[in-house]
Amino acid sequence: MKRELWVEQLEGALAALGEILAAEGNRLAIVVVGGATMNLLGIIRRTTSDIDVIARAHRDETGALRIVPPEPFPPELSQAIRTVALQPTPAELASAVEWVRTQDEAPEWTSLVEEVCRHVERSCS
């Protein structure tokens, strides 16, 4: 299921991506276009379901900025993207707990799912 992202979620996802890469000592730059870019620049205010990356940028040995095709993504960027994309939102966690509470007949599952969701929420924040 695709998530519809508002500008605040886009900013959060890109910040999380940068934090993950920086924590691992990686410095990468991406060139983003489309609805995500227009939202981030304040040109429009609507949801988007993706972030369109058309290139990567890096400095060569002379210090000049170089633009290169985005793919293949470096492995560290691909892994960071997967990590950020898989982080559930608080609303998704709450809906999981609510679903178990109302749909599952084993009462012990509710407390277990609540505990797991609290752990996931803490680790994602």
PDB file of N, CA and C in Angstrom:
ATOM      1  N   MET A   1       0.837  -1.175   0.000  1.00  0.00           N
ATOM      2  CA  MET A   1       0.000   0.000   0.000  1.00  0.00           C
ATOM      3  C   MET A   1       0.887   1.246   0.000  1.00  0.00           C
ATOM      4  N   LYS A   2       0.601   2.160  -0.912  1.00  0.00           N
ATOM      5  CA  LYS A   2       1.368   3.405  -0.983  1.00  0.00           C
ATOM      6  C   LYS A   2       0.892   4.369   0.082  1.00  0.00           C
ATOM      7  N   ARG A   3       1.839   5.055   0.673  1.00  0.00           N
ATOM      8  CA  ARG A   3       1.513   6.127   1.612  1.00  0.00           C
ATOM      9  C   ARG A   3       1.441   7.422   0.834  1.00  0.00           C
ATOM     10  N   GLU A   4       0.489   8.253   1.192  1.00  0.00           N
ATOM     11  CA  GLU A   4       0.454   9.605   0.644  1.00  0.00           C
ATOM     12  C   GLU A   4       1.205  10.500   1.630  1.00  0.00           C
ATOM     13  N   LEU A   5       2.215  11.187   1.150  1.00  0.00           N
ATOM     14  CA  LEU A   5       3.111  11.960   2.006  1.00  0.00           C
ATOM     15  C   LEU A   5       2.839  13.451   1.909  1.00  0.00           C
ATOM     16  N   TRP A   6       2.698  14.101   3.063  1.00  0.00           N
ATOM     17  CA  TRP A   6       2.635  15.558   3.137  1.00  0.00           C
ATOM     18  C   TRP A   6       4.057  16.076   3.278  1.00  0.00           C
ATOM     19  N   VAL A   7       4.244  17.369   3.116  1.00  0.00           N
ATOM     20  CA  VAL A   7       5.579  17.965   3.145  1.00  0.00           C
ATOM     21  C   VAL A   7       6.308  17.642   4.454  1.00  0.00           C
ATOM     22  N   GLU A   8       5.598  17.634   5.574  1.00  0.00           N
ATOM     23  CA  GLU A   8       6.243  17.336   6.855  1.00  0.00           C
ATOM     24  C   GLU A   8       6.792  15.904   6.861  1.00  0.00           C
ATOM     25  N   GLN A   9       6.071  14.990   6.246  1.00  0.00           N
ATOM     26  CA  GLN A   9       6.539  13.605   6.169  1.00  0.00           C
ATOM     27  C   GLN A   9       7.707  13.473   5.201  1.00  0.00           C
ATOM     28  N   LEU A  10       7.672  14.229   4.122  1.00  0.00           N
ATOM     29  CA  LEU A  10       8.807  14.232   3.185  1.00  0.00           C
ATOM     30  C   LEU A  10      10.064  14.728   3.879  1.00  0.00           C
ATOM     31  N   GLU A  11       9.921  15.849   4.590  1.00  0.00           N
ATOM     32  CA  GLU A  11      11.063  16.398   5.316  1.00  0.00           C
ATOM     33  C   GLU A  11      11.590  15.392   6.330  1.00  0.00           C
ATOM     34  N   GLY A  12      10.677  14.740   7.046  1.00  0.00           N
ATOM     35  CA  GLY A  12      11.078  13.744   8.039  1.00  0.00           C
ATOM     36  C   GLY A  12      11.785  12.554   7.407  1.00  0.00           C
ATOM     37  N   ALA A  13      11.265  12.083   6.282  1.00  0.00           N
ATOM     38  CA  ALA A  13      11.881  10.933   5.605  1.00  0.00           C
ATOM     39  C   ALA A  13      13.273  11.281   5.095  1.00  0.00           C
ATOM     40  N   LEU A  14      13.417  12.450   4.486  1.00  0.00           N
ATOM     41  CA  LEU A  14      14.731  12.849   3.976  1.00  0.00           C
ATOM     42  C   LEU A  14      15.714  13.110   5.121  1.00  0.00           C
ATOM     43  N   ALA A  15      15.228  13.694   6.218  1.00  0.00           N
ATOM     44  CA  ALA A  15      16.094  13.911   7.383  1.00  0.00           C
ATOM     45  C   ALA A  15      16.541  12.570   7.965  1.00  0.00           C
ATOM     46  N   ALA A  16      15.607  11.621   8.081  1.00  0.00           N
ATOM     47  CA  ALA A  16      15.954  10.297   8.607  1.00  0.00           C
ATOM     48  C   ALA A  16      16.968   9.614   7.699  1.00  0.00           C
ATOM     49  N   LEU A  17      16.788   9.735   6.405  1.00  0.00           N
ATOM     50  CA  LEU A  17      17.727   9.162   5.446  1.00  0.00           C
ATOM     51  C   LEU A  17      19.124   9.746   5.660  1.00  0.00           C
ATOM     52  N   GLY A  18      19.190  11.069   5.785  1.00  0.00           N
ATOM     53  CA  GLY A  18      20.475  11.727   6.026  1.00  0.00           C
ATOM     54  C   GLY A  18      21.111  11.307   7.338  1.00  0.00           C
ATOM     55  N   GLU A  19      20.299  11.159   8.386  1.00  0.00           N
ATOM     56  CA  GLU A  19      20.825  10.756   9.691  1.00  0.00           C
ATOM     57  C   GLU A  19      21.399   9.344   9.647  1.00  0.00           C
ATOM     58  N   ILE A  20      20.691   8.440   8.970  1.00  0.00           N
ATOM     59  CA  ILE A  20      21.174   7.061   8.861  1.00  0.00           C
ATOM     60  C   ILE A  20      22.502   7.034   8.113  1.00  0.00           C
ATOM     61  N   LEU A  21      22.565   7.738   6.998  1.00  0.00           N
ATOM     62  CA  LEU A  21      23.799   7.761   6.211  1.00  0.00           C
ATOM     63  C   LEU A  21      24.942   8.405   6.992  1.00  0.00           C
ATOM     64  N   ALA A  22      24.674   9.517   7.666  1.00  0.00           N
ATOM     65  CA  ALA A  22      25.716  10.209   8.428  1.00  0.00           C
ATOM     66  C   ALA A  22      26.219   9.349   9.583  1.00  0.00           C
ATOM     67  N   ALA A  23      25.308   8.639  10.242  1.00  0.00           N
ATOM     68  CA  ALA A  23      25.704   7.782  11.361  1.00  0.00           C
ATOM     69  C   ALA A  23      26.660   6.690  10.920  1.00  0.00           C
ATOM     70  N   GLU A  24      26.562   6.305   9.658  1.00  0.00           N
ATOM     71  CA  GLU A  24      27.452   5.276   9.109  1.00  0.00           C
ATOM     72  C   GLU A  24      28.667   5.877   8.416  1.00  0.00           C
ATOM     73  N   GLY A  25      28.814   7.210   8.493  1.00  0.00           N
ATOM     74  CA  GLY A  25      29.959   7.876   7.896  1.00  0.00           C
ATOM     75  C   GLY A  25      29.857   8.081   6.399  1.00  0.00           C
ATOM     76  N   ASN A  26      28.643   8.011   5.864  1.00  0.00           N
ATOM     77  CA  ASN A  26      28.448   8.187   4.423  1.00  0.00           C
ATOM     78  C   ASN A  26      27.975   9.597   4.110  1.00  0.00           C
ATOM     79  N   ARG A  27      28.512  10.154   3.043  1.00  0.00           N
ATOM     80  CA  ARG A  27      28.065  11.458   2.542  1.00  0.00           C
ATOM     81  C   ARG A  27      27.598  11.264   1.117  1.00  0.00           C
ATOM     82  N   LEU A  28      26.292  11.391   0.921  1.00  0.00           N
ATOM     83  CA  LEU A  28      25.703  11.226  -0.399  1.00  0.00           C
ATOM     84  C   LEU A  28      24.735  12.369  -0.653  1.00  0.00           C
ATOM     85  N   ALA A  29      24.584  12.734  -1.907  1.00  0.00           N
ATOM     86  CA  ALA A  29      23.610  13.764  -2.282  1.00  0.00           C
ATOM     87  C   ALA A  29      22.766  13.218  -3.424  1.00  0.00           C
ATOM     88  N   ILE A  30      21.475  13.520  -3.357  1.00  0.00           N
ATOM     89  CA  ILE A  30      20.566  13.112  -4.426  1.00  0.00           C
ATOM     90  C   ILE A  30      19.891  14.346  -5.003  1.00  0.00           C
ATOM     91  N   VAL A  31      19.515  14.261  -6.264  1.00  0.00           N
ATOM     92  CA  VAL A  31      18.800  15.335  -6.943  1.00  0.00           C
ATOM     93  C   VAL A  31      17.346  14.877  -7.071  1.00  0.00           C
ATOM     94  N   VAL A  32      16.442  15.629  -6.452  1.00  0.00           N
ATOM     95  CA  VAL A  32      15.032  15.256  -6.367  1.00  0.00           C
ATOM     96  C   VAL A  32      14.198  16.218  -7.204  1.00  0.00           C
ATOM     97  N   VAL A  33      13.201  15.675  -7.936  1.00  0.00           N
ATOM     98  CA  VAL A  33      12.295  16.498  -8.749  1.00  0.00           C
ATOM     99  C   VAL A  33      10.856  16.068  -8.482  1.00  0.00           C
ATOM    100  N   GLY A  34       9.924  16.700  -9.153  1.00  0.00           N
ATOM    101  CA  GLY A  34       8.529  16.280  -9.097  1.00  0.00           C
ATOM    102  C   GLY A  34       7.753  16.880  -7.938  1.00  0.00           C
ATOM    103  N   GLY A  35       6.670  16.194  -7.595  1.00  0.00           N
ATOM    104  CA  GLY A  35       5.773  16.683  -6.551  1.00  0.00           C
ATOM    105  C   GLY A  35       6.462  16.868  -5.215  1.00  0.00           C
ATOM    106  N   ALA A  36       7.376  15.966  -4.878  1.00  0.00           N
ATOM    107  CA  ALA A  36       8.092  16.102  -3.605  1.00  0.00           C
ATOM    108  C   ALA A  36       8.875  17.412  -3.563  1.00  0.00           C
ATOM    109  N   THR A  37       9.573  17.710  -4.642  1.00  0.00           N
ATOM    110  CA  THR A  37      10.362  18.947  -4.693  1.00  0.00           C
ATOM    111  C   THR A  37       9.469  20.180  -4.603  1.00  0.00           C
ATOM    112  N   MET A  38       8.376  20.173  -5.365  1.00  0.00           N
ATOM    113  CA  MET A  38       7.480  21.335  -5.332  1.00  0.00           C
ATOM    114  C   MET A  38       6.876  21.522  -3.942  1.00  0.00           C
ATOM    115  N   ASN A  39       6.574  20.435  -3.249  1.00  0.00           N
ATOM    116  CA  ASN A  39       6.082  20.530  -1.876  1.00  0.00           C
ATOM    117  C   ASN A  39       7.156  21.087  -0.944  1.00  0.00           C
ATOM    118  N   LEU A  40       8.371  20.552  -1.053  1.00  0.00           N
ATOM    119  CA  LEU A  40       9.461  20.988  -0.182  1.00  0.00           C
ATOM    120  C   LEU A  40       9.801  22.460  -0.387  1.00  0.00           C
ATOM    121  N   LEU A  41       9.647  22.947  -1.619  1.00  0.00           N
ATOM    122  CA  LEU A  41       9.920  24.359  -1.909  1.00  0.00           C
ATOM    123  C   LEU A  41       8.731  25.268  -1.613  1.00  0.00           C
ATOM    124  N   GLY A  42       7.606  24.684  -1.245  1.00  0.00           N
ATOM    125  CA  GLY A  42       6.419  25.480  -0.932  1.00  0.00           C
ATOM    126  C   GLY A  42       5.659  25.958  -2.158  1.00  0.00           C
ATOM    127  N   ILE A  43       5.941  25.401  -3.313  1.00  0.00           N
ATOM    128  CA  ILE A  43       5.254  25.803  -4.546  1.00  0.00           C
ATOM    129  C   ILE A  43       3.829  25.263  -4.557  1.00  0.00           C
ATOM    130  N   ILE A  44       3.676  24.036  -4.050  1.00  0.00           N
ATOM    131  CA  ILE A  44       2.349  23.426  -3.940  1.00  0.00           C
ATOM    132  C   ILE A  44       2.179  22.873  -2.539  1.00  0.00           C
ATOM    133  N   ARG A  45       0.953  22.561  -2.188  1.00  0.00           N
ATOM    134  CA  ARG A  45       0.675  21.922  -0.895  1.00  0.00           C
ATOM    135  C   ARG A  45      -0.326  20.802  -1.164  1.00  0.00           C
ATOM    136  N   ARG A  46       0.201  19.613  -1.405  1.00  0.00           N
ATOM    137  CA  ARG A  46      -0.631  18.425  -1.617  1.00  0.00           C
ATOM    138  C   ARG A  46       0.217  17.202  -1.310  1.00  0.00           C
ATOM    139  N   THR A  47      -0.430  16.063  -1.226  1.00  0.00           N
ATOM    140  CA  THR A  47       0.331  14.849  -0.957  1.00  0.00           C
ATOM    141  C   THR A  47       0.995  14.339  -2.224  1.00  0.00           C
ATOM    142  N   THR A  48       2.007  13.523  -2.006  1.00  0.00           N
ATOM    143  CA  THR A  48       2.665  12.809  -3.092  1.00  0.00           C
ATOM    144  C   THR A  48       2.967  11.414  -2.573  1.00  0.00           C
ATOM    145  N   SER A  49       3.113  10.468  -3.465  1.00  0.00           N
ATOM    146  CA  SER A  49       3.343   9.101  -3.007  1.00  0.00           C
ATOM    147  C   SER A  49       4.789   8.643  -3.183  1.00  0.00           C
ATOM    148  N   ASP A  50       5.644   9.540  -3.702  1.00  0.00           N
ATOM    149  CA  ASP A  50       7.022   9.120  -3.907  1.00  0.00           C
ATOM    150  C   ASP A  50       7.964  10.313  -3.927  1.00  0.00           C
ATOM    151  N   ILE A  51       9.235   9.999  -3.957  1.00  0.00           N
ATOM    152  CA  ILE A  51      10.284  11.005  -4.100  1.00  0.00           C
ATOM    153  C   ILE A  51      11.072  10.598  -5.338  1.00  0.00           C
ATOM    154  N   ASP A  52      10.988  11.429  -6.380  1.00  0.00           N
ATOM    155  CA  ASP A  52      11.637  11.123  -7.655  1.00  0.00           C
ATOM    156  C   ASP A  52      13.099  11.569  -7.627  1.00  0.00           C
ATOM    157  N   VAL A  53      13.994  10.604  -7.681  1.00  0.00           N
ATOM    158  CA  VAL A  53      15.438  10.881  -7.693  1.00  0.00           C
ATOM    159  C   VAL A  53      15.919  10.732  -9.131  1.00  0.00           C
ATOM    160  N   ILE A  54      16.422  11.831  -9.711  1.00  0.00           N
ATOM    161  CA  ILE A  54      16.880  11.761 -11.106  1.00  0.00           C
ATOM    162  C   ILE A  54      18.390  11.706 -11.237  1.00  0.00           C
ATOM    163  N   ALA A  55      19.109  11.963 -10.145  1.00  0.00           N
ATOM    164  CA  ALA A  55      20.575  11.932 -10.216  1.00  0.00           C
ATOM    165  C   ALA A  55      21.157  11.883  -8.814  1.00  0.00           C
ATOM    166  N   ARG A  56      22.454  11.560  -8.778  1.00  0.00           N
ATOM    167  CA  ARG A  56      23.237  11.684  -7.556  1.00  0.00           C
ATOM    168  C   ARG A  56      24.281  12.754  -7.821  1.00  0.00           C
ATOM    169  N   ALA A  57      24.696  13.422  -6.774  1.00  0.00           N
ATOM    170  CA  ALA A  57      25.721  14.458  -6.922  1.00  0.00           C
ATOM    171  C   ALA A  57      26.893  14.118  -6.000  1.00  0.00           C
ATOM    172  N   HIS A  58      28.089  14.412  -6.474  1.00  0.00           N
ATOM    173  CA  HIS A  58      29.273  14.209  -5.638  1.00  0.00           C
ATOM    174  C   HIS A  58      30.378  15.143  -6.103  1.00  0.00           C
ATOM    175  N   ARG A  59      31.349  15.332  -5.256  1.00  0.00           N
ATOM    176  CA  ARG A  59      32.511  16.145  -5.615  1.00  0.00           C
ATOM    177  C   ARG A  59      33.624  15.216  -6.085  1.00  0.00           C
ATOM    178  N   ASP A  60      34.232  15.566  -7.199  1.00  0.00           N
ATOM    179  CA  ASP A  60      35.334  14.737  -7.689  1.00  0.00           C
ATOM    180  C   ASP A  60      36.625  15.131  -6.975  1.00  0.00           C
ATOM    181  N   GLU A  61      37.729  14.537  -7.397  1.00  0.00           N
ATOM    182  CA  GLU A  61      39.011  14.772  -6.720  1.00  0.00           C
ATOM    183  C   GLU A  61      39.476  16.226  -6.794  1.00  0.00           C
ATOM    184  N   THR A  62      38.950  17.006  -7.743  1.00  0.00           N
ATOM    185  CA  THR A  62      39.321  18.423  -7.843  1.00  0.00           C
ATOM    186  C   THR A  62      38.381  19.310  -7.023  1.00  0.00           C
ATOM    187  N   GLY A  63      37.324  18.712  -6.490  1.00  0.00           N
ATOM    188  CA  GLY A  63      36.349  19.475  -5.729  1.00  0.00           C
ATOM    189  C   GLY A  63      35.170  19.955  -6.553  1.00  0.00           C
ATOM    190  N   ALA A  64      35.191  19.662  -7.849  1.00  0.00           N
ATOM    191  CA  ALA A  64      34.087  20.064  -8.718  1.00  0.00           C
ATOM    192  C   ALA A  64      32.859  19.189  -8.452  1.00  0.00           C
ATOM    193  N   LEU A  65      31.694  19.812  -8.503  1.00  0.00           N
ATOM    194  CA  LEU A  65      30.450  19.079  -8.317  1.00  0.00           C
ATOM    195  C   LEU A  65      30.115  18.320  -9.588  1.00  0.00           C
ATOM    196  N   ARG A  66      29.866  17.041  -9.461  1.00  0.00           N
ATOM    197  CA  ARG A  66      29.531  16.180 -10.595  1.00  0.00           C
ATOM    198  C   ARG A  66      28.146  15.584 -10.383  1.00  0.00           C
ATOM    199  N   ILE A  67      27.370  15.560 -11.453  1.00  0.00           N
ATOM    200  CA  ILE A  67      26.049  14.946 -11.442  1.00  0.00           C
ATOM    201  C   ILE A  67      26.160  13.640 -12.225  1.00  0.00           C
ATOM    202  N   VAL A  68      25.701  12.552 -11.629  1.00  0.00           N
ATOM    203  CA  VAL A  68      25.772  11.242 -12.278  1.00  0.00           C
ATOM    204  C   VAL A  68      24.382  10.599 -12.239  1.00  0.00           C
ATOM    205  N   PRO A  69      24.123   9.646 -13.123  1.00  0.00           N
ATOM    206  CA  PRO A  69      22.828   8.953 -13.087  1.00  0.00           C
ATOM    207  C   PRO A  69      22.588   8.362 -11.690  1.00  0.00           C
ATOM    208  N   PRO A  70      21.333   8.302 -11.291  1.00  0.00           N
ATOM    209  CA  PRO A  70      21.046   7.843  -9.931  1.00  0.00           C
ATOM    210  C   PRO A  70      21.264   6.355  -9.723  1.00  0.00           C
ATOM    211  N   GLU A  71      21.141   5.587 -10.772  1.00  0.00           N
ATOM    212  CA  GLU A  71      21.225   4.137 -10.601  1.00  0.00           C
ATOM    213  C   GLU A  71      22.476   3.594 -11.260  1.00  0.00           C
ATOM    214  N   PRO A  72      23.053   2.609 -10.697  1.00  0.00           N
ATOM    215  CA  PRO A  72      22.554   1.948  -9.495  1.00  0.00           C
ATOM    216  C   PRO A  72      22.869   2.784  -8.257  1.00  0.00           C
ATOM    217  N   PHE A  73      21.946   2.750  -7.308  1.00  0.00           N
ATOM    218  CA  PHE A  73      22.203   3.420  -6.038  1.00  0.00           C
ATOM    219  C   PHE A  73      23.354   2.702  -5.333  1.00  0.00           C
ATOM    220  N   PRO A  74      24.194   3.456  -4.632  1.00  0.00           N
ATOM    221  CA  PRO A  74      25.195   2.785  -3.790  1.00  0.00           C
ATOM    222  C   PRO A  74      24.460   1.916  -2.759  1.00  0.00           C
ATOM    223  N   PRO A  75      25.028   0.780  -2.384  1.00  0.00           N
ATOM    224  CA  PRO A  75      24.342  -0.116  -1.443  1.00  0.00           C
ATOM    225  C   PRO A  75      23.922   0.567  -0.140  1.00  0.00           C
ATOM    226  N   GLU A  76      24.774   1.461   0.363  1.00  0.00           N
ATOM    227  CA  GLU A  76      24.433   2.126   1.632  1.00  0.00           C
ATOM    228  C   GLU A  76      23.204   3.027   1.475  1.00  0.00           C
ATOM    229  N   LEU A  77      23.015   3.637   0.308  1.00  0.00           N
ATOM    230  CA  LEU A  77      21.829   4.453   0.065  1.00  0.00           C
ATOM    231  C   LEU A  77      20.594   3.566  -0.070  1.00  0.00           C
ATOM    232  N   SER A  78      20.714   2.470  -0.791  1.00  0.00           N
ATOM    233  CA  SER A  78      19.583   1.540  -0.940  1.00  0.00           C
ATOM    234  C   SER A  78      19.131   1.018   0.409  1.00  0.00           C
ATOM    235  N   GLN A  79      20.080   0.648   1.267  1.00  0.00           N
ATOM    236  CA  GLN A  79      19.728   0.127   2.593  1.00  0.00           C
ATOM    237  C   GLN A  79      19.066   1.206   3.440  1.00  0.00           C
ATOM    238  N   ALA A  80      19.586   2.419   3.403  1.00  0.00           N
ATOM    239  CA  ALA A  80      18.989   3.511   4.189  1.00  0.00           C
ATOM    240  C   ALA A  80      17.567   3.798   3.706  1.00  0.00           C
ATOM    241  N   ILE A  81      17.343   3.764   2.401  1.00  0.00           N
ATOM    242  CA  ILE A  81      16.002   3.989   1.852  1.00  0.00           C
ATOM    243  C   ILE A  81      15.051   2.900   2.340  1.00  0.00           C
ATOM    244  N   ARG A  82      15.484   1.649   2.300  1.00  0.00           N
ATOM    245  CA  ARG A  82      14.626   0.556   2.784  1.00  0.00           C
ATOM    246  C   ARG A  82      14.290   0.744   4.261  1.00  0.00           C
ATOM    247  N   THR A  83      15.262   1.157   5.052  1.00  0.00           N
ATOM    248  CA  THR A  83      15.035   1.360   6.482  1.00  0.00           C
ATOM    249  C   THR A  83      13.998   2.452   6.718  1.00  0.00           C
ATOM    250  N   VAL A  84      14.146   3.582   6.035  1.00  0.00           N
ATOM    251  CA  VAL A  84      13.203   4.695   6.205  1.00  0.00           C
ATOM    252  C   VAL A  84      11.827   4.320   5.684  1.00  0.00           C
ATOM    253  N   ALA A  85      11.771   3.667   4.531  1.00  0.00           N
ATOM    254  CA  ALA A  85      10.480   3.323   3.928  1.00  0.00           C
ATOM    255  C   ALA A  85       9.691   2.335   4.761  1.00  0.00           C
ATOM    256  N   LEU A  86      10.372   1.494   5.512  1.00  0.00           N
ATOM    257  CA  LEU A  86       9.679   0.476   6.295  1.00  0.00           C
ATOM    258  C   LEU A  86       9.258   0.954   7.676  1.00  0.00           C
ATOM    259  N   GLN A  87       9.660   2.155   8.069  1.00  0.00           N
ATOM    260  CA  GLN A  87       9.271   2.645   9.381  1.00  0.00           C
ATOM    261  C   GLN A  87       7.779   2.943   9.404  1.00  0.00           C
ATOM    262  N   PRO A  88       7.048   2.294  10.291  1.00  0.00           N
ATOM    263  CA  PRO A  88       5.606   2.567  10.367  1.00  0.00           C
ATOM    264  C   PRO A  88       5.337   3.920  11.007  1.00  0.00           C
ATOM    265  N   THR A  89       4.225   4.518  10.625  1.00  0.00           N
ATOM    266  CA  THR A  89       3.807   5.768  11.253  1.00  0.00           C
ATOM    267  C   THR A  89       3.087   5.437  12.556  1.00  0.00           C
ATOM    268  N   PRO A  90       2.983   6.406  13.478  1.00  0.00           N
ATOM    269  CA  PRO A  90       2.209   6.156  14.699  1.00  0.00           C
ATOM    270  C   PRO A  90       0.777   5.718  14.398  1.00  0.00           C
ATOM    271  N   ALA A  91       0.176   6.283  13.356  1.00  0.00           N
ATOM    272  CA  ALA A  91      -1.196   5.900  12.996  1.00  0.00           C
ATOM    273  C   ALA A  91      -1.251   4.443  12.534  1.00  0.00           C
ATOM    274  N   GLU A  92      -0.240   4.001  11.793  1.00  0.00           N
ATOM    275  CA  GLU A  92      -0.205   2.601  11.354  1.00  0.00           C
ATOM    276  C   GLU A  92      -0.045   1.661  12.544  1.00  0.00           C
ATOM    277  N   LEU A  93       0.791   2.053  13.499  1.00  0.00           N
ATOM    278  CA  LEU A  93       0.945   1.227  14.694  1.00  0.00           C
ATOM    279  C   LEU A  93      -0.358   1.157  15.485  1.00  0.00           C
ATOM    280  N   ALA A  94      -1.018   2.301  15.641  1.00  0.00           N
ATOM    281  CA  ALA A  94      -2.287   2.330  16.378  1.00  0.00           C
ATOM    282  C   ALA A  94      -3.337   1.475  15.679  1.00  0.00           C
ATOM    283  N   SER A  95      -3.373   1.520  14.352  1.00  0.00           N
ATOM    284  CA  SER A  95      -4.375   0.720  13.645  1.00  0.00           C
ATOM    285  C   SER A  95      -4.078  -0.769  13.778  1.00  0.00           C
ATOM    286  N   ALA A  96      -2.810  -1.146  13.866  1.00  0.00           N
ATOM    287  CA  ALA A  96      -2.465  -2.559  14.072  1.00  0.00           C
ATOM    288  C   ALA A  96      -2.972  -3.035  15.422  1.00  0.00           C
ATOM    289  N   VAL A  97      -2.757  -2.230  16.451  1.00  0.00           N
ATOM    290  CA  VAL A  97      -3.236  -2.592  17.787  1.00  0.00           C
ATOM    291  C   VAL A  97      -4.755  -2.671  17.792  1.00  0.00           C
ATOM    292  N   GLU A  98      -5.405  -1.702  17.193  1.00  0.00           N
ATOM    293  CA  GLU A  98      -6.877  -1.692  17.165  1.00  0.00           C
ATOM    294  C   GLU A  98      -7.413  -2.901  16.406  1.00  0.00           C
ATOM    295  N   TRP A  99      -6.784  -3.255  15.307  1.00  0.00           N
ATOM    296  CA  TRP A  99      -7.236  -4.405  14.540  1.00  0.00           C
ATOM    297  C   TRP A  99      -7.147  -5.673  15.393  1.00  0.00           C
ATOM    298  N   VAL A 100      -6.014  -5.879  16.063  1.00  0.00           N
ATOM    299  CA  VAL A 100      -5.856  -7.074  16.900  1.00  0.00           C
ATOM    300  C   VAL A 100      -6.883  -7.065  18.031  1.00  0.00           C
ATOM    301  N   ARG A 101      -7.074  -5.897  18.629  1.00  0.00           N
ATOM    302  CA  ARG A 101      -8.022  -5.787  19.745  1.00  0.00           C
ATOM    303  C   ARG A 101      -9.439  -6.192  19.318  1.00  0.00           C
ATOM    304  N   THR A 102      -9.842  -5.808  18.116  1.00  0.00           N
ATOM    305  CA  THR A 102     -11.223  -6.062  17.689  1.00  0.00           C
ATOM    306  C   THR A 102     -11.390  -7.332  16.870  1.00  0.00           C
ATOM    307  N   GLN A 103     -10.336  -7.837  16.267  1.00  0.00           N
ATOM    308  CA  GLN A 103     -10.470  -8.963  15.342  1.00  0.00           C
ATOM    309  C   GLN A 103      -9.919 -10.285  15.854  1.00  0.00           C
ATOM    310  N   ASP A 104      -8.990 -10.240  16.783  1.00  0.00           N
ATOM    311  CA  ASP A 104      -8.352 -11.475  17.227  1.00  0.00           C
ATOM    312  C   ASP A 104      -9.017 -11.968  18.503  1.00  0.00           C
ATOM    313  N   GLU A 105      -9.296 -13.252  18.556  1.00  0.00           N
ATOM    314  CA  GLU A 105      -9.999 -13.802  19.709  1.00  0.00           C
ATOM    315  C   GLU A 105      -9.072 -14.182  20.852  1.00  0.00           C
ATOM    316  N   ALA A 106      -7.775 -14.153  20.637  1.00  0.00           N
ATOM    317  CA  ALA A 106      -6.830 -14.493  21.706  1.00  0.00           C
ATOM    318  C   ALA A 106      -6.435 -13.223  22.448  1.00  0.00           C
ATOM    319  N   PRO A 107      -6.951 -13.014  23.666  1.00  0.00           N
ATOM    320  CA  PRO A 107      -6.699 -11.753  24.379  1.00  0.00           C
ATOM    321  C   PRO A 107      -5.223 -11.481  24.658  1.00  0.00           C
ATOM    322  N   GLU A 108      -4.418 -12.530  24.778  1.00  0.00           N
ATOM    323  CA  GLU A 108      -2.998 -12.303  25.060  1.00  0.00           C
ATOM    324  C   GLU A 108      -2.281 -11.630  23.896  1.00  0.00           C
ATOM    325  N   TRP A 109      -2.826 -11.757  22.684  1.00  0.00           N
ATOM    326  CA  TRP A 109      -2.205 -11.132  21.524  1.00  0.00           C
ATOM    327  C   TRP A 109      -2.250  -9.613  21.602  1.00  0.00           C
ATOM    328  N   THR A 110      -3.338  -9.068  22.131  1.00  0.00           N
ATOM    329  CA  THR A 110      -3.455  -7.610  22.200  1.00  0.00           C
ATOM    330  C   THR A 110      -2.311  -7.012  23.002  1.00  0.00           C
ATOM    331  N   SER A 111      -2.049  -7.562  24.181  1.00  0.00           N
ATOM    332  CA  SER A 111      -0.972  -6.990  25.008  1.00  0.00           C
ATOM    333  C   SER A 111       0.388  -7.196  24.348  1.00  0.00           C
ATOM    334  N   LEU A 112       0.581  -8.330  23.679  1.00  0.00           N
ATOM    335  CA  LEU A 112       1.842  -8.572  22.984  1.00  0.00           C
ATOM    336  C   LEU A 112       2.029  -7.583  21.825  1.00  0.00           C
ATOM    337  N   VAL A 113       0.980  -7.380  21.024  1.00  0.00           N
ATOM    338  CA  VAL A 113       1.069  -6.437  19.908  1.00  0.00           C
ATOM    339  C   VAL A 113       1.282  -5.017  20.425  1.00  0.00           C
ATOM    340  N   GLU A 114       0.608  -4.651  21.506  1.00  0.00           N
ATOM    341  CA  GLU A 114       0.819  -3.315  22.094  1.00  0.00           C
ATOM    342  C   GLU A 114       2.271  -3.131  22.512  1.00  0.00           C
ATOM    343  N   GLU A 115       2.846  -4.158  23.144  1.00  0.00           N
ATOM    344  CA  GLU A 115       4.237  -4.086  23.584  1.00  0.00           C
ATOM    345  C   GLU A 115       5.187  -3.956  22.394  1.00  0.00           C
ATOM    346  N   VAL A 116       4.966  -4.756  21.362  1.00  0.00           N
ATOM    347  CA  VAL A 116       5.817  -4.698  20.169  1.00  0.00           C
ATOM    348  C   VAL A 116       5.686  -3.331  19.494  1.00  0.00           C
ATOM    349  N   CYS A 117       4.468  -2.811  19.389  1.00  0.00           N
ATOM    350  CA  CYS A 117       4.261  -1.503  18.755  1.00  0.00           C
ATOM    351  C   CYS A 117       4.944  -0.390  19.546  1.00  0.00           C
ATOM    352  N   ARG A 118       4.892  -0.460  20.876  1.00  0.00           N
ATOM    353  CA  ARG A 118       5.602   0.548  21.691  1.00  0.00           C
ATOM    354  C   ARG A 118       7.101   0.480  21.423  1.00  0.00           C
ATOM    355  N   HIS A 119       7.642  -0.733  21.338  1.00  0.00           N
ATOM    356  CA  HIS A 119       9.063  -0.907  21.057  1.00  0.00           C
ATOM    357  C   HIS A 119       9.417  -0.345  19.681  1.00  0.00           C
ATOM    358  N   VAL A 120       8.609  -0.670  18.677  1.00  0.00           N
ATOM    359  CA  VAL A 120       8.855  -0.174  17.319  1.00  0.00           C
ATOM    360  C   VAL A 120       8.774   1.351  17.289  1.00  0.00           C
ATOM    361  N   GLU A 121       7.766   1.920  17.935  1.00  0.00           N
ATOM    362  CA  GLU A 121       7.619   3.372  17.943  1.00  0.00           C
ATOM    363  C   GLU A 121       8.828   4.049  18.597  1.00  0.00           C
ATOM    364  N   ARG A 122       9.306   3.499  19.722  1.00  0.00           N
ATOM    365  CA  ARG A 122      10.495   4.072  20.376  1.00  0.00           C
ATOM    366  C   ARG A 122      11.716   3.976  19.467  1.00  0.00           C
ATOM    367  N   SER A 123      11.879   2.841  18.795  1.00  0.00           N
ATOM    368  CA  SER A 123      13.065   2.670  17.946  1.00  0.00           C
ATOM    369  C   SER A 123      13.015   3.511  16.678  1.00  0.00           C
ATOM    370  N   CYS A 124      11.813   3.931  16.258  1.00  0.00           N
ATOM    371  CA  CYS A 124      11.676   4.753  15.043  1.00  0.00           C
ATOM    372  C   CYS A 124      11.749   6.232  15.346  1.00  0.00           C
ATOM    373  N   SER A 125      11.694   6.606  16.610  1.00  0.00           N
ATOM    374  CA  SER A 125      11.699   8.048  16.921  1.00  0.00           C
ATOM    375  C   SER A 125      13.070   8.543  17.303  1.00  0.00           C
TER     376      SER A 125
END
